[in-house]
Amino acid sequence: MPLFRTLGDRIAVEIIRGQSVDGMAVIDGIFVSDVKKSTANQAFVLAEVVAAGPAVKIALPSYLVLVSDYFGEEVEADGRKLRIGRERDIAAVKGVNCWIPPADRVLLERIDQKYVGPILLPEDMRAPYFEARVLHAGADAQVNASDRVLVPKDRSVKIAIGGQRMLLIEEPSILAIL
């Protein structure tokens, strides 16, 4: 238990570093983007929550979370290097069998649609948006798991966990539920 507390929606995390295998860090059987590789200018790492403010809803102490390598402010406390940031800046929290995004964040699986009817569309002719299936939605999101949604290409961040490639997006960026 730390000697300090965080306030409001702030959390303190300790980054867990792992070995790199084929450009991915392997931590507890979970694959996250390696800190040396980046997707959409972000690298994601696994972290353990050390302290959580009273307004924090899902990232409680000892929970494992997925955060950007640039998450929060780096501080030294209790003889450890910690990062203190806001709960909304967490990419996902490790649940029992899945990763759960916080607040209005949504984890998606892209549905590749290369055809319009019987016609194959070349990559450069496709629209600036794509169709995706909702895997998990945060508590404040208005979409549900398995919903099909329309998403702008430039608004999502690619992540890979356990070999499964997913997209992370804020719900307001979703154009429509199909």
Protein backbone atom coordinates (compact mmCIF):
# COMPACT_ATOMS: atom_id res chain seq x y z
CA MET A 1 0.00 0.00 0.00
CA PRO A 2 1.50 3.37 -0.99
CA LEU A 3 2.13 6.16 1.48
CA PHE A 4 0.34 8.61 -0.80
CA ARG A 5 -3.15 8.94 -2.30
CA THR A 6 -4.29 10.20 -5.66
CA LEU A 7 -7.17 12.64 -5.98
CA GLY A 8 -10.30 12.70 -8.14
CA ASP A 9 -9.99 10.56 -11.28
CA ARG A 10 -6.20 10.23 -11.05
CA ILE A 11 -4.45 6.89 -10.84
CA ALA A 12 -0.85 5.95 -10.13
CA VAL A 13 0.57 3.03 -12.12
CA GLU A 14 3.83 1.14 -12.25
CA ILE A 15 4.85 0.19 -15.79
CA ILE A 16 5.61 -3.52 -16.32
CA ARG A 17 8.34 -4.05 -18.88
CA GLY A 18 8.67 -7.38 -20.69
CA GLN A 19 10.87 -9.10 -23.20
CA SER A 20 10.46 -8.29 -26.86
CA VAL A 21 9.50 -11.02 -29.33
CA ASP A 22 9.01 -10.11 -33.00
CA GLY A 23 8.40 -6.46 -32.20
CA MET A 24 5.86 -7.24 -29.48
CA ALA A 25 6.42 -7.27 -25.73
CA VAL A 26 5.34 -10.52 -24.10
CA ILE A 27 3.94 -10.04 -20.62
CA ASP A 28 1.98 -12.80 -18.92
CA GLY A 29 0.91 -14.22 -22.27
CA ILE A 30 -0.48 -10.82 -23.32
CA PHE A 31 0.98 -9.06 -26.32
CA VAL A 32 1.21 -5.29 -26.31
CA SER A 33 2.97 -2.98 -28.72
CA ASP A 34 6.66 -2.85 -27.83
CA VAL A 35 7.94 0.47 -26.51
CA LYS A 36 10.33 0.69 -29.46
CA LYS A 37 7.58 0.17 -32.03
CA SER A 38 4.67 2.52 -32.44
CA THR A 39 1.25 2.53 -34.07
CA ALA A 40 -0.30 5.92 -34.73
CA ASN A 41 2.60 7.45 -32.76
CA GLN A 42 1.65 5.56 -29.60
CA ALA A 43 3.25 2.59 -27.92
CA PHE A 44 1.22 0.69 -25.35
CA VAL A 45 2.56 -1.02 -22.24
CA LEU A 46 1.11 -3.04 -19.41
CA ALA A 47 0.95 -1.39 -15.98
CA GLU A 48 -0.26 -2.23 -12.49
CA VAL A 49 -2.48 0.26 -10.68
CA VAL A 50 -0.82 1.30 -7.41
CA ALA A 51 -3.30 3.95 -6.20
CA ALA A 52 -6.67 5.25 -7.42
CA GLY A 53 -8.55 8.43 -6.51
CA PRO A 54 -12.12 8.32 -5.15
CA ALA A 55 -13.68 9.18 -8.54
CA VAL A 56 -11.99 6.26 -10.33
CA LYS A 57 -14.59 3.70 -11.43
CA ILE A 58 -12.81 0.73 -13.01
CA ALA A 59 -9.05 0.91 -12.45
CA LEU A 60 -8.67 -0.07 -8.80
CA PRO A 61 -5.36 -0.82 -7.03
CA SER A 62 -3.66 -4.07 -8.16
CA TYR A 63 -5.61 -4.12 -11.46
CA LEU A 64 -3.63 -4.52 -14.68
CA VAL A 65 -4.18 -1.80 -17.27
CA LEU A 66 -3.00 -1.05 -20.79
CA VAL A 67 -1.66 2.50 -21.12
CA SER A 68 0.26 4.57 -23.64
CA ASP A 69 3.98 4.64 -22.94
CA TYR A 70 3.50 8.40 -22.59
CA PHE A 71 0.78 8.04 -19.94
CA GLY A 72 0.71 10.64 -17.16
CA GLU A 73 3.56 12.29 -15.31
CA GLU A 74 6.53 10.28 -14.10
CA VAL A 75 7.17 10.58 -10.35
CA GLU A 76 9.26 8.73 -7.80
CA ALA A 77 7.34 7.59 -4.72
CA ASP A 78 7.79 4.79 -2.21
CA GLY A 79 11.16 4.06 -3.84
CA ARG A 80 9.52 3.25 -7.20
CA LYS A 81 9.10 5.07 -10.49
CA LEU A 82 5.39 5.59 -11.03
CA ARG A 83 3.20 7.38 -13.56
CA ILE A 84 0.24 9.45 -12.39
CA GLY A 85 -2.50 10.22 -14.91
CA ARG A 86 -6.25 10.27 -15.44
CA GLU A 87 -8.44 7.19 -15.60
CA ARG A 88 -9.83 8.28 -18.99
CA ASP A 89 -6.30 8.02 -20.46
CA ILE A 90 -6.20 4.26 -19.82
CA ALA A 91 -6.61 2.23 -23.02
CA ALA A 92 -8.14 -0.81 -21.27
CA VAL A 93 -8.40 -2.66 -17.95
CA LYS A 94 -7.79 -6.43 -17.79
CA GLY A 95 -11.02 -8.19 -16.90
CA VAL A 96 -11.52 -11.89 -16.22
CA ASN A 97 -11.66 -13.00 -19.86
CA CYS A 98 -11.29 -9.75 -21.77
CA TRP A 99 -9.98 -6.21 -21.84
CA ILE A 100 -12.50 -3.53 -20.79
CA PRO A 101 -12.15 0.04 -22.07
CA PRO A 102 -12.90 2.87 -19.64
CA ALA A 103 -15.61 5.55 -19.90
CA ASP A 104 -16.56 6.26 -23.53
CA ARG A 105 -13.78 4.19 -25.12
CA VAL A 106 -14.61 1.27 -27.41
CA LEU A 107 -12.53 -1.72 -28.54
CA LEU A 108 -13.34 -2.72 -32.12
CA GLU A 109 -12.54 -5.45 -34.60
CA ARG A 110 -12.32 -4.23 -38.18
CA ILE A 111 -14.58 -5.88 -40.73
CA ASP A 112 -12.78 -5.74 -44.05
CA GLN A 113 -15.18 -5.05 -46.84
CA LYS A 114 -13.38 -5.07 -50.13
CA TYR A 115 -16.51 -5.54 -52.24
CA VAL A 116 -19.49 -3.38 -53.15
CA GLY A 117 -21.87 -6.00 -54.47
CA PRO A 118 -19.82 -8.14 -56.86
CA ILE A 119 -17.25 -5.38 -57.51
CA LEU A 120 -13.81 -5.52 -55.84
CA LEU A 121 -12.68 -2.07 -54.72
CA PRO A 122 -8.95 -1.21 -54.82
CA GLU A 123 -7.58 0.15 -51.52
CA ASP A 124 -7.29 3.73 -52.81
CA MET A 125 -10.94 3.73 -53.98
CA ARG A 126 -12.39 2.79 -50.62
CA ALA A 127 -14.08 5.39 -48.47
CA PRO A 128 -12.23 7.26 -45.68
CA TYR A 129 -14.18 5.14 -43.17
CA PHE A 130 -14.60 1.43 -42.48
CA GLU A 131 -17.00 -0.97 -40.83
CA ALA A 132 -16.14 -2.57 -37.49
CA ARG A 133 -17.68 -4.81 -34.85
CA VAL A 134 -17.72 -3.69 -31.20
CA LEU A 135 -15.81 -6.15 -29.00
CA HIS A 136 -16.11 -4.26 -25.70
CA ALA A 137 -17.50 -0.85 -24.76
CA GLY A 138 -16.83 1.33 -21.72
CA ALA A 139 -19.55 1.95 -19.13
CA ASP A 140 -20.40 5.40 -20.53
CA ALA A 141 -20.58 4.24 -24.16
CA GLN A 142 -23.92 3.99 -25.96
CA VAL A 143 -22.85 1.10 -28.21
CA ASN A 144 -22.97 -2.54 -27.17
CA ALA A 145 -20.78 -5.56 -27.81
CA SER A 146 -21.39 -7.07 -31.27
CA ASP A 147 -22.85 -3.83 -32.70
CA ARG A 148 -21.62 -3.05 -36.23
CA VAL A 149 -20.39 0.55 -36.49
CA LEU A 150 -19.00 2.94 -39.08
CA VAL A 151 -15.64 4.48 -38.10
CA PRO A 152 -13.37 7.13 -39.72
CA LYS A 153 -9.97 5.63 -40.66
CA ASP A 154 -7.95 8.34 -38.94
CA ARG A 155 -9.67 8.23 -35.52
CA SER A 156 -8.68 4.82 -34.18
CA VAL A 157 -5.50 3.48 -32.61
CA LYS A 158 -4.33 -0.06 -33.48
CA ILE A 159 -3.40 -2.37 -30.62
CA ALA A 160 -2.72 -6.12 -30.40
CA ILE A 161 -3.38 -8.25 -27.33
CA GLY A 162 -2.81 -11.99 -27.29
CA GLY A 163 -2.33 -11.99 -31.05
CA GLN A 164 -5.74 -10.39 -31.59
CA ARG A 165 -5.57 -7.09 -33.45
CA MET A 166 -8.03 -4.50 -32.21
CA LEU A 167 -8.80 -0.83 -32.61
CA LEU A 168 -9.32 1.60 -29.75
CA ILE A 169 -11.56 4.62 -30.35
CA GLU A 170 -13.49 7.21 -28.36
CA GLU A 171 -17.22 6.68 -28.84
CA PRO A 172 -17.93 10.24 -30.11
CA SER A 173 -15.72 9.42 -33.13
CA ILE A 174 -18.05 6.61 -34.25
CA LEU A 175 -20.14 7.83 -37.18
CA ALA A 176 -23.10 5.43 -36.94
CA ILE A 177 -24.40 2.10 -35.69
CA LEU A 178 -25.27 -0.08 -38.69
